[in-house]
Each structure stands twice: as structure tokens, then as C-alpha cells.
């Protein structure tokens, strides 16, 4: 039982760090894309609906890091395991680090 708690704690800490790194990367990439779009004048050439659609897609990219951070917090507090399973399954789609971390955490959670 002690080993299970230790693995779960390490996994939760790695999830929190990964969520922070993904957030920083997405914010930096969004900042660069915004600067590029303003420099090229593409925001002025697009219609309002295109700009709103672009902002909606960019905001969806910020949802994933928040969910990864929440998964790390929930794993630390030993709560909401079903939420963690769903997010871990989604996280398995981000190859290679997300797949490795997601599968190892799911295997750890499935232990009795």
C-alpha cells in the first residue's frame, strides 16, 4: 500500500508539472501567433466570425492544461478517480509523454 501511494504522489506531481509546461508552451505559441497575425495584417482581413472561430480554437487549447492540472490535484487528494480516468484516456492521445504518463497512471489506479 505504501508503494501505491508513493507512485500516485509522483504521478500527481508530474501531472502538475506537465500541466504547467503545456500552459506555458501554449501561451507562448499563442503570443507568437498573435504577433505574426498582427504583423501580417491577417486579423484585419478576416471577418468577425473567422476571428471569433480562431479565438475559440485557441481557447480550447488552454482547456487541456487546466484539465491536466486538475488531474494532478485530484490524484494528490485521492478524489474524483473517474474524472482522472477520463482525462488520462484523453492524455494518452498526446504522444509520447502524455501516452507514457497516462498509461502508467491508469495502471497505477487500477491496482487494488
N, C-alpha and C. Protein backbone atom coordinates (compact mmCIF):
# COMPACT_ATOMS: atom_id res chain seq x y z
N UNK A 1 0.82 -1.20 0.00
CA UNK A 1 0.00 0.00 0.00
C UNK A 1 0.86 1.25 0.00
N UNK A 2 1.98 1.21 0.68
CA UNK A 2 2.87 2.36 0.73
C UNK A 2 3.42 2.69 -0.65
N UNK A 3 3.77 1.65 -1.43
CA UNK A 3 4.31 1.84 -2.76
C UNK A 3 3.26 2.46 -3.69
N UNK A 4 1.99 2.05 -3.54
CA UNK A 4 0.89 2.60 -4.34
C UNK A 4 0.74 4.10 -4.10
N UNK A 5 0.76 4.51 -2.84
CA UNK A 5 0.63 5.93 -2.53
C UNK A 5 1.82 6.73 -3.06
N UNK A 6 3.00 6.14 -3.00
CA UNK A 6 4.19 6.83 -3.49
C UNK A 6 4.12 7.00 -5.01
N UNK A 7 3.71 5.95 -5.73
CA UNK A 7 3.57 6.06 -7.18
C UNK A 7 2.50 7.07 -7.58
N UNK A 8 1.41 7.08 -6.84
CA UNK A 8 0.33 8.02 -7.14
C UNK A 8 0.76 9.46 -6.87
N UNK A 9 1.53 9.67 -5.81
CA UNK A 9 2.01 11.02 -5.50
C UNK A 9 3.00 11.51 -6.56
N UNK A 10 3.90 10.64 -6.99
CA UNK A 10 4.86 11.01 -8.04
C UNK A 10 4.13 11.32 -9.34
N UNK A 11 3.14 10.50 -9.68
CA UNK A 11 2.36 10.73 -10.88
C UNK A 11 1.60 12.06 -10.81
N UNK A 12 1.06 12.36 -9.65
CA UNK A 12 0.32 13.62 -9.49
C UNK A 12 1.25 14.82 -9.63
N UNK A 13 2.44 14.73 -9.07
CA UNK A 13 3.39 15.85 -9.18
C UNK A 13 3.82 16.03 -10.63
N UNK A 14 4.06 14.92 -11.33
CA UNK A 14 4.44 15.03 -12.74
C UNK A 14 3.30 15.61 -13.57
N UNK A 15 2.06 15.27 -13.22
CA UNK A 15 0.91 15.86 -13.93
C UNK A 15 0.85 17.37 -13.71
N UNK A 16 1.10 17.81 -12.50
CA UNK A 16 1.08 19.25 -12.23
C UNK A 16 2.19 19.97 -13.00
N UNK A 17 3.37 19.39 -13.03
CA UNK A 17 4.48 20.00 -13.78
C UNK A 17 4.17 20.00 -15.28
N UNK A 18 3.65 18.87 -15.79
CA UNK A 18 3.31 18.79 -17.20
C UNK A 18 2.22 19.80 -17.57
N UNK A 19 1.23 19.96 -16.71
CA UNK A 19 0.17 20.95 -16.97
C UNK A 19 0.74 22.36 -17.03
N UNK A 20 1.67 22.68 -16.15
CA UNK A 20 2.30 24.00 -16.18
C UNK A 20 3.14 24.20 -17.43
N UNK A 21 3.88 23.18 -17.84
CA UNK A 21 4.69 23.29 -19.05
C UNK A 21 3.82 23.44 -20.30
N UNK A 22 2.74 22.68 -20.37
CA UNK A 22 1.85 22.79 -21.53
C UNK A 22 1.20 24.17 -21.56
N UNK A 23 0.81 24.68 -20.40
CA UNK A 23 0.21 26.02 -20.35
C UNK A 23 1.20 27.07 -20.84
N UNK A 24 2.42 27.00 -20.34
CA UNK A 24 3.44 27.96 -20.77
C UNK A 24 3.72 27.87 -22.26
N UNK A 25 3.80 26.66 -22.79
CA UNK A 25 4.06 26.49 -24.22
C UNK A 25 2.91 27.06 -25.05
N UNK A 26 1.67 26.74 -24.67
CA UNK A 26 0.53 27.23 -25.44
C UNK A 26 0.40 28.75 -25.37
N UNK A 27 0.67 29.32 -24.20
CA UNK A 27 0.60 30.79 -24.09
C UNK A 27 1.69 31.44 -24.94
N UNK A 28 2.89 30.88 -24.92
CA UNK A 28 3.98 31.44 -25.73
C UNK A 28 3.69 31.30 -27.21
N UNK A 29 3.18 30.12 -27.62
CA UNK A 29 2.85 29.92 -29.03
C UNK A 29 1.70 30.84 -29.46
N UNK A 30 0.71 31.01 -28.59
CA UNK A 30 -0.39 31.93 -28.91
C UNK A 30 0.08 33.36 -29.03
N UNK A 31 1.02 33.75 -28.15
CA UNK A 31 1.59 35.10 -28.22
C UNK A 31 2.32 35.31 -29.55
N UNK A 32 3.12 34.33 -29.96
CA UNK A 32 3.85 34.45 -31.22
C UNK A 32 2.90 34.46 -32.41
N UNK A 33 1.87 33.64 -32.38
CA UNK A 33 0.91 33.63 -33.48
C UNK A 33 0.14 34.95 -33.56
N UNK A 34 -0.16 35.52 -32.41
CA UNK A 34 -0.84 36.81 -32.40
C UNK A 34 0.04 37.90 -32.98
N UNK A 35 1.31 37.90 -32.58
CA UNK A 35 2.24 38.88 -33.15
C UNK A 35 2.39 38.69 -34.65
N UNK A 36 2.47 37.45 -35.09
CA UNK A 36 2.59 37.16 -36.51
C UNK A 36 1.34 37.61 -37.25
N UNK A 37 0.17 37.34 -36.68
CA UNK A 37 -1.08 37.74 -37.32
C UNK A 37 -1.24 39.25 -37.40
N UNK A 38 -0.81 39.95 -36.34
CA UNK A 38 -0.90 41.41 -36.36
C UNK A 38 0.10 41.99 -37.34
N UNK A 39 1.27 41.39 -37.43
CA UNK A 39 2.30 41.89 -38.35
C UNK A 39 1.92 41.68 -39.80
N UNK A 40 1.25 40.59 -40.09
CA UNK A 40 0.86 40.29 -41.47
C UNK A 40 -0.46 40.94 -41.84
N UNK A 41 -1.17 41.47 -40.86
CA UNK A 41 -2.45 42.12 -41.13
C UNK A 41 -3.58 41.15 -41.37
N UNK A 42 -3.42 39.90 -40.96
CA UNK A 42 -4.46 38.92 -41.25
C UNK A 42 -5.71 39.12 -40.40
N UNK A 43 -5.54 39.71 -39.20
CA UNK A 43 -6.73 39.94 -38.38
C UNK A 43 -7.62 41.02 -38.98
N UNK A 44 -7.05 41.96 -39.66
CA UNK A 44 -7.86 43.00 -40.29
C UNK A 44 -8.55 42.48 -41.54
N UNK A 45 -7.96 41.47 -42.20
CA UNK A 45 -8.55 40.96 -43.43
C UNK A 45 -9.65 39.93 -43.16
N UNK A 46 -9.61 39.29 -42.00
CA UNK A 46 -10.61 38.27 -41.68
C UNK A 46 -11.92 38.91 -41.26
N UNK A 47 -13.00 38.16 -41.42
CA UNK A 47 -14.28 38.63 -40.94
C UNK A 47 -14.36 38.42 -39.43
N UNK A 48 -15.39 38.98 -38.83
CA UNK A 48 -15.57 38.84 -37.39
C UNK A 48 -15.76 37.39 -37.00
N UNK A 49 -16.52 36.63 -37.80
CA UNK A 49 -16.79 35.22 -37.49
C UNK A 49 -15.50 34.40 -37.55
N UNK A 50 -14.62 34.71 -38.48
CA UNK A 50 -13.36 33.99 -38.57
C UNK A 50 -12.47 34.28 -37.36
N UNK A 51 -12.46 35.53 -36.92
CA UNK A 51 -11.67 35.89 -35.74
C UNK A 51 -12.22 35.22 -34.49
N UNK A 52 -13.54 35.18 -34.35
CA UNK A 52 -14.16 34.52 -33.19
C UNK A 52 -13.86 33.02 -33.22
N UNK A 53 -13.93 32.42 -34.39
CA UNK A 53 -13.61 31.00 -34.52
C UNK A 53 -12.16 30.71 -34.16
N UNK A 54 -11.25 31.59 -34.58
CA UNK A 54 -9.84 31.42 -34.24
C UNK A 54 -9.62 31.54 -32.74
N UNK A 55 -10.29 32.49 -32.10
CA UNK A 55 -10.16 32.63 -30.65
C UNK A 55 -10.77 31.44 -29.91
N UNK A 56 -11.85 30.87 -30.44
CA UNK A 56 -12.47 29.70 -29.80
C UNK A 56 -11.54 28.49 -29.87
N UNK A 57 -10.90 28.29 -31.01
CA UNK A 57 -9.97 27.17 -31.14
C UNK A 57 -8.78 27.36 -30.21
N UNK A 58 -8.27 28.57 -30.13
CA UNK A 58 -7.13 28.84 -29.24
C UNK A 58 -7.53 28.65 -27.77
N UNK A 59 -8.74 29.01 -27.41
CA UNK A 59 -9.17 28.82 -26.02
C UNK A 59 -9.36 27.34 -25.69
N UNK A 60 -9.72 26.53 -26.69
CA UNK A 60 -9.83 25.09 -26.45
C UNK A 60 -8.47 24.49 -26.13
N UNK A 61 -7.41 25.03 -26.71
CA UNK A 61 -6.07 24.53 -26.42
C UNK A 61 -5.66 24.85 -24.98
N UNK A 62 -6.27 25.84 -24.37
CA UNK A 62 -5.95 26.17 -22.98
C UNK A 62 -6.76 25.32 -21.99
N UNK A 63 -7.76 24.60 -22.47
CA UNK A 63 -8.57 23.75 -21.59
C UNK A 63 -7.79 22.50 -21.19
N UNK A 64 -7.02 21.92 -22.12
CA UNK A 64 -6.28 20.69 -21.83
C UNK A 64 -5.29 20.85 -20.68
N UNK A 65 -4.47 21.90 -20.64
CA UNK A 65 -3.56 22.03 -19.50
C UNK A 65 -4.28 22.20 -18.16
N UNK A 66 -5.42 22.87 -18.18
CA UNK A 66 -6.18 23.04 -16.94
C UNK A 66 -6.70 21.69 -16.46
N UNK A 67 -7.16 20.86 -17.39
CA UNK A 67 -7.64 19.53 -17.02
C UNK A 67 -6.50 18.65 -16.51
N UNK A 68 -5.31 18.78 -17.09
CA UNK A 68 -4.16 18.01 -16.61
C UNK A 68 -3.77 18.47 -15.21
N UNK A 69 -3.80 19.78 -14.97
CA UNK A 69 -3.52 20.29 -13.62
C UNK A 69 -4.55 19.79 -12.61
N UNK A 70 -5.82 19.81 -13.00
CA UNK A 70 -6.86 19.30 -12.10
C UNK A 70 -6.68 17.81 -11.81
N UNK A 71 -6.25 17.07 -12.82
CA UNK A 71 -5.99 15.65 -12.60
C UNK A 71 -4.88 15.46 -11.58
N UNK A 72 -3.83 16.26 -11.68
CA UNK A 72 -2.75 16.17 -10.70
C UNK A 72 -3.21 16.49 -9.30
N UNK A 73 -4.04 17.51 -9.17
CA UNK A 73 -4.56 17.88 -7.85
C UNK A 73 -5.47 16.80 -7.30
N UNK A 74 -6.34 16.25 -8.15
CA UNK A 74 -7.25 15.20 -7.69
C UNK A 74 -6.51 13.92 -7.32
N UNK A 75 -5.42 13.63 -8.02
CA UNK A 75 -4.64 12.45 -7.66
C UNK A 75 -3.93 12.66 -6.32
N UNK A 76 -3.48 13.88 -6.05
CA UNK A 76 -2.84 14.16 -4.76
C UNK A 76 -3.82 14.04 -3.61
N UNK A 77 -5.07 14.43 -3.84
CA UNK A 77 -6.06 14.39 -2.76
C UNK A 77 -6.86 13.08 -2.73
N UNK A 78 -6.56 12.15 -3.67
CA UNK A 78 -7.25 10.86 -3.75
C UNK A 78 -8.76 11.02 -3.91
N UNK A 79 -9.16 11.91 -4.82
CA UNK A 79 -10.57 12.16 -5.10
C UNK A 79 -10.82 12.10 -6.60
N UNK A 80 -12.07 11.93 -6.97
CA UNK A 80 -12.55 12.03 -8.35
C UNK A 80 -11.76 11.14 -9.30
N UNK A 81 -11.69 9.84 -9.00
CA UNK A 81 -10.92 8.93 -9.83
C UNK A 81 -11.53 8.75 -11.22
N UNK A 82 -12.85 8.82 -11.35
CA UNK A 82 -13.48 8.68 -12.67
C UNK A 82 -13.09 9.85 -13.58
N UNK A 83 -13.06 11.05 -13.02
CA UNK A 83 -12.59 12.21 -13.78
C UNK A 83 -11.15 11.99 -14.24
N UNK A 84 -10.33 11.47 -13.33
CA UNK A 84 -8.92 11.22 -13.66
C UNK A 84 -8.80 10.19 -14.78
N UNK A 85 -9.63 9.14 -14.75
CA UNK A 85 -9.58 8.14 -15.81
C UNK A 85 -9.92 8.74 -17.16
N UNK A 86 -10.93 9.60 -17.22
CA UNK A 86 -11.33 10.20 -18.49
C UNK A 86 -10.22 11.11 -19.02
N UNK A 87 -9.66 11.93 -18.17
CA UNK A 87 -8.60 12.85 -18.61
C UNK A 87 -7.34 12.07 -18.97
N UNK A 88 -7.04 11.00 -18.24
CA UNK A 88 -5.87 10.19 -18.57
C UNK A 88 -6.05 9.50 -19.93
N UNK A 89 -7.27 9.08 -20.23
CA UNK A 89 -7.52 8.49 -21.55
C UNK A 89 -7.34 9.53 -22.65
N UNK A 90 -7.78 10.75 -22.42
CA UNK A 90 -7.56 11.82 -23.39
C UNK A 90 -6.08 12.17 -23.50
N UNK A 91 -5.40 12.10 -22.37
CA UNK A 91 -3.98 12.45 -22.34
C UNK A 91 -3.14 11.42 -23.10
N UNK A 92 -3.63 10.21 -23.21
CA UNK A 92 -2.90 9.17 -23.95
C UNK A 92 -2.78 9.52 -25.44
N UNK A 93 -3.59 10.43 -25.93
CA UNK A 93 -3.52 10.83 -27.33
C UNK A 93 -2.34 11.75 -27.62
N UNK A 94 -1.79 12.39 -26.61
CA UNK A 94 -0.66 13.29 -26.84
C UNK A 94 0.63 12.48 -26.70
N UNK A 95 1.16 12.10 -27.84
CA UNK A 95 2.34 11.24 -27.90
C UNK A 95 3.59 12.07 -27.75
N UNK A 96 4.64 11.65 -27.14
CA UNK A 96 4.95 10.42 -26.43
C UNK A 96 4.79 10.57 -24.92
N UNK A 97 4.98 11.78 -24.39
CA UNK A 97 4.99 11.95 -22.94
C UNK A 97 3.62 11.71 -22.33
N UNK A 98 2.57 12.20 -22.98
CA UNK A 98 1.23 12.00 -22.47
C UNK A 98 0.82 10.54 -22.47
N UNK A 99 1.23 9.82 -23.52
CA UNK A 99 0.91 8.40 -23.59
C UNK A 99 1.59 7.63 -22.47
N UNK A 100 2.86 7.89 -22.27
CA UNK A 100 3.61 7.20 -21.23
C UNK A 100 3.04 7.50 -19.85
N UNK A 101 2.83 8.78 -19.57
CA UNK A 101 2.32 9.17 -18.26
C UNK A 101 0.89 8.69 -18.05
N UNK A 102 0.06 8.79 -19.09
CA UNK A 102 -1.32 8.35 -18.97
C UNK A 102 -1.46 6.86 -18.71
N UNK A 103 -0.72 6.06 -19.47
CA UNK A 103 -0.80 4.61 -19.30
C UNK A 103 -0.27 4.19 -17.94
N UNK A 104 0.86 4.73 -17.52
CA UNK A 104 1.42 4.36 -16.22
C UNK A 104 0.50 4.77 -15.07
N UNK A 105 -0.14 5.92 -15.19
CA UNK A 105 -1.05 6.34 -14.13
C UNK A 105 -2.31 5.49 -14.11
N UNK A 106 -2.82 5.14 -15.30
CA UNK A 106 -4.01 4.27 -15.35
C UNK A 106 -3.69 2.91 -14.73
N UNK A 107 -2.53 2.37 -15.04
CA UNK A 107 -2.14 1.07 -14.46
C UNK A 107 -2.02 1.20 -12.95
N UNK A 108 -1.48 2.32 -12.48
CA UNK A 108 -1.36 2.53 -11.02
C UNK A 108 -2.73 2.64 -10.37
N UNK A 109 -3.67 3.34 -11.03
CA UNK A 109 -5.01 3.49 -10.45
C UNK A 109 -5.80 2.18 -10.47
N UNK A 110 -5.48 1.30 -11.40
CA UNK A 110 -6.23 0.04 -11.48
C UNK A 110 -5.74 -1.00 -10.48
N UNK A 111 -4.63 -0.74 -9.82
CA UNK A 111 -4.16 -1.70 -8.81
C UNK A 111 -5.11 -1.70 -7.62
N UNK A 112 -5.32 -2.88 -7.02
CA UNK A 112 -6.25 -2.94 -5.88
C UNK A 112 -5.69 -2.28 -4.63
